[in-house]
Amino acid sequence: MDDEILSKRLKAHEINDFPLIMSKYNKLLWVIIGGILNEVGTQQDIEECICDVYIKLWESPKSFNPKKGTLKTFLATIARNKALDKYRQLTKMKAVELNDANHASNGDLLDYVLNKETCEQLYIAIKSFDEPDKEIMIRRYFLAEKPAAIAKKISSINVKEVENRLYQGKLRLKRLLADQGGTV
Protein backbone atom coordinates (compact mmCIF):
# COMPACT_ATOMS: atom_id res chain seq x y z
CA MET A 1 0.00 0.00 0.00
CA ASP A 2 1.24 3.46 -0.91
CA ASP A 3 2.36 5.69 2.01
CA GLU A 4 0.07 8.54 0.91
CA ILE A 5 -2.99 6.31 0.91
CA LEU A 6 -1.91 4.81 4.23
CA SER A 7 -1.44 8.30 5.65
CA LYS A 8 -4.99 9.28 4.71
CA ARG A 9 -6.37 6.08 6.19
CA LEU A 10 -4.40 6.59 9.40
CA LYS A 11 -5.74 10.12 9.74
CA ALA A 12 -9.22 8.64 9.41
CA HIS A 13 -8.31 6.19 12.22
CA GLU A 14 -9.02 3.11 10.17
CA ILE A 15 -7.92 0.44 12.61
CA ASN A 16 -7.88 -2.27 9.93
CA ASP A 17 -4.53 -0.94 8.67
CA PHE A 18 -2.67 -1.42 11.95
CA PRO A 19 -2.18 -5.19 11.68
CA LEU A 20 -0.68 -4.60 8.24
CA ILE A 21 1.64 -1.88 9.58
CA MET A 22 2.62 -3.99 12.57
CA SER A 23 3.43 -7.07 10.52
CA LYS A 24 5.46 -5.01 8.08
CA TYR A 25 7.50 -2.97 10.62
CA ASN A 26 7.71 -5.05 13.82
CA LYS A 27 11.07 -6.61 12.92
CA LEU A 28 12.55 -3.22 12.11
CA LEU A 29 11.35 -1.78 15.41
CA TRP A 30 12.71 -4.79 17.31
CA VAL A 31 16.13 -4.28 15.73
CA ILE A 32 16.24 -0.54 16.45
CA ILE A 33 14.84 -0.64 19.98
CA GLY A 34 16.54 -3.91 20.90
CA GLY A 35 19.88 -2.53 19.77
CA ILE A 36 19.55 0.41 22.14
CA LEU A 37 18.03 -1.42 25.11
CA ASN A 38 19.99 -4.65 24.70
CA GLU A 39 22.29 -4.16 27.72
CA VAL A 40 19.89 -2.45 30.13
CA GLY A 41 16.36 -3.46 29.20
CA THR A 42 14.26 -6.58 29.26
CA GLN A 43 12.13 -8.05 26.51
CA GLN A 44 9.16 -6.40 28.20
CA ASP A 45 10.87 -2.99 27.98
CA ILE A 46 11.45 -3.52 24.25
CA GLU A 47 7.83 -4.57 23.70
CA GLU A 48 6.64 -1.55 25.67
CA CYS A 49 8.66 0.78 23.45
CA ILE A 50 7.29 -0.87 20.31
CA CYS A 51 3.76 -0.36 21.62
CA ASP A 52 4.62 3.27 22.39
CA VAL A 53 5.68 3.75 18.77
CA TYR A 54 2.35 2.45 17.48
CA ILE A 55 0.43 4.48 20.07
CA LYS A 56 2.27 7.61 18.94
CA LEU A 57 1.31 6.84 15.35
CA TRP A 58 -2.32 6.20 16.33
CA GLU A 59 -2.63 9.30 18.52
CA SER A 60 -1.01 11.71 16.10
CA PRO A 61 -1.26 10.38 12.55
CA LYS A 62 -1.02 13.94 11.23
CA SER A 63 2.61 14.04 12.32
CA PHE A 64 3.37 11.51 9.58
CA ASN A 65 3.77 13.33 6.28
CA PRO A 66 4.57 11.07 3.32
CA LYS A 67 6.01 14.05 1.45
CA LYS A 68 8.75 14.40 4.09
CA GLY A 69 9.68 10.73 4.25
CA THR A 70 8.46 7.17 4.26
CA LEU A 71 6.45 5.52 7.01
CA LYS A 72 9.45 3.28 7.61
CA THR A 73 11.67 6.29 8.32
CA PHE A 74 8.99 7.92 10.45
CA LEU A 75 8.53 4.80 12.61
CA ALA A 76 12.29 4.25 12.85
CA THR A 77 12.77 7.80 14.16
CA ILE A 78 10.02 7.42 16.75
CA ALA A 79 11.44 4.02 17.77
CA ARG A 80 14.92 5.44 18.25
CA ASN A 81 13.61 8.34 20.36
CA LYS A 82 11.38 6.10 22.50
CA ALA A 83 14.23 3.63 23.04
CA LEU A 84 16.65 6.40 24.03
CA ASP A 85 14.10 7.79 26.49
CA LYS A 86 13.61 4.31 27.97
CA TYR A 87 17.38 3.77 28.09
CA ARG A 88 17.84 7.00 30.05
CA GLN A 89 15.01 6.04 32.39
CA LEU A 90 16.39 2.55 33.02
CA THR A 91 20.00 3.61 33.54
CA LYS A 92 18.95 6.39 35.88
CA MET A 93 16.81 3.93 37.85
CA LYS A 94 19.69 1.43 38.08
CA ALA A 95 22.06 4.15 39.27
CA VAL A 96 19.60 5.21 41.98
CA GLU A 97 19.11 1.57 43.05
CA LEU A 98 22.88 1.08 43.16
CA ASN A 99 23.39 4.22 45.22
CA ASP A 100 20.58 3.25 47.60
CA ALA A 101 22.09 -0.21 48.09
CA ASN A 102 25.53 1.23 48.79
CA HIS A 103 24.23 3.74 51.30
CA ALA A 104 22.15 1.17 53.13
CA SER A 105 25.03 -1.29 53.47
CA ASN A 106 27.88 1.04 54.40
CA GLY A 107 26.44 2.32 57.67
CA ASP A 108 26.72 5.64 59.42
CA LEU A 109 29.72 6.99 57.58
CA LEU A 110 27.92 6.79 54.23
CA ASP A 111 24.83 8.46 55.69
CA TYR A 112 27.13 11.27 56.74
CA VAL A 113 28.57 11.49 53.21
CA LEU A 114 25.11 12.13 51.74
CA ASN A 115 25.26 15.75 52.78
CA LYS A 116 27.21 17.63 50.07
CA GLU A 117 28.91 19.99 52.47
CA THR A 118 29.96 17.12 54.64
CA CYS A 119 31.13 15.22 51.58
CA GLU A 120 33.49 18.05 50.71
CA GLN A 121 34.81 18.19 54.28
CA LEU A 122 35.26 14.44 54.27
CA TYR A 123 37.12 14.50 50.95
CA ILE A 124 39.44 17.28 52.14
CA ALA A 125 40.14 15.35 55.35
CA ILE A 126 40.87 12.14 53.41
CA LYS A 127 43.22 14.04 51.06
CA SER A 128 45.39 14.80 54.13
CA PHE A 129 45.99 11.06 54.68
CA ASP A 130 49.23 9.42 53.55
CA GLU A 131 49.24 6.79 50.81
CA PRO A 132 47.92 4.08 50.64
CA ASP A 133 45.34 5.11 53.28
CA LYS A 134 44.15 8.01 51.14
CA GLU A 135 43.61 5.77 48.10
CA ILE A 136 41.89 3.08 50.21
CA MET A 137 39.44 5.56 51.76
CA ILE A 138 38.63 7.23 48.43
CA ARG A 139 38.12 3.90 46.69
CA ARG A 140 35.87 2.61 49.48
CA TYR A 141 33.73 5.63 50.31
CA PHE A 142 33.70 7.61 47.08
CA LEU A 143 33.94 4.85 44.49
CA ALA A 144 32.10 2.23 46.61
CA GLU A 145 34.69 -0.48 45.96
CA LYS A 146 34.77 -3.55 48.19
CA PRO A 147 37.89 -4.23 50.32
CA ALA A 148 38.78 -7.27 48.19
CA ALA A 149 38.72 -5.14 45.00
CA ILE A 150 40.84 -2.48 46.69
CA ALA A 151 43.39 -5.10 47.78
CA LYS A 152 43.66 -6.34 44.19
CA LYS A 153 44.30 -2.82 42.89
CA ILE A 154 46.87 -2.08 45.59
CA SER A 155 48.89 -5.24 45.20
CA SER A 156 51.16 -4.68 48.21
CA ILE A 157 48.22 -4.96 50.68
CA ASN A 158 45.97 -7.91 51.54
CA VAL A 159 42.22 -7.72 52.25
CA LYS A 160 42.62 -7.87 56.05
CA GLU A 161 45.05 -4.96 55.99
CA VAL A 162 42.65 -2.94 53.81
CA GLU A 163 39.86 -3.58 56.33
CA ASN A 164 42.16 -2.54 59.21
CA ARG A 165 43.20 0.64 57.39
CA LEU A 166 39.53 1.44 56.69
CA TYR A 167 38.68 1.04 60.36
CA GLN A 168 41.64 3.17 61.48
CA GLY A 169 40.82 5.73 58.77
CA LYS A 170 37.23 6.06 60.00
CA LEU A 171 38.46 6.67 63.54
CA ARG A 172 40.93 9.27 62.27
CA LEU A 173 38.17 10.96 60.20
CA LYS A 174 35.92 11.16 63.25
CA ARG A 175 38.68 12.86 65.20
CA LEU A 176 39.57 15.25 62.36
CA LEU A 177 35.98 16.24 61.69
CA ALA A 178 35.17 16.58 65.38
CA ASP A 179 38.15 18.96 65.71
CA GLN A 180 36.74 20.99 62.78
CA GLY A 181 33.31 21.18 64.40
CA GLY A 182 31.67 18.47 62.28
CA THR A 183 30.02 15.35 63.66
CA VAL A 184 30.04 11.83 62.37
Foldseek 3Di string as FASTA:
>chain_A
DDQVVVLVCLVVVPVVCVVVVCVVCVVVLCVQLCVLCVPQDDPVLSVVLLVVLVVVCNVCSVVDDVVVHGPNVVSSVSSNVSSVVVSVVRVVVVVVVVLVVLLVPPPDVLVQCVDPVSVVVLLVQLVPDDPPLSVLCCCCRVVVDQLCVVCVVVVVDHSVVSVVSNVVVVVSSQVVQVVVVHHD
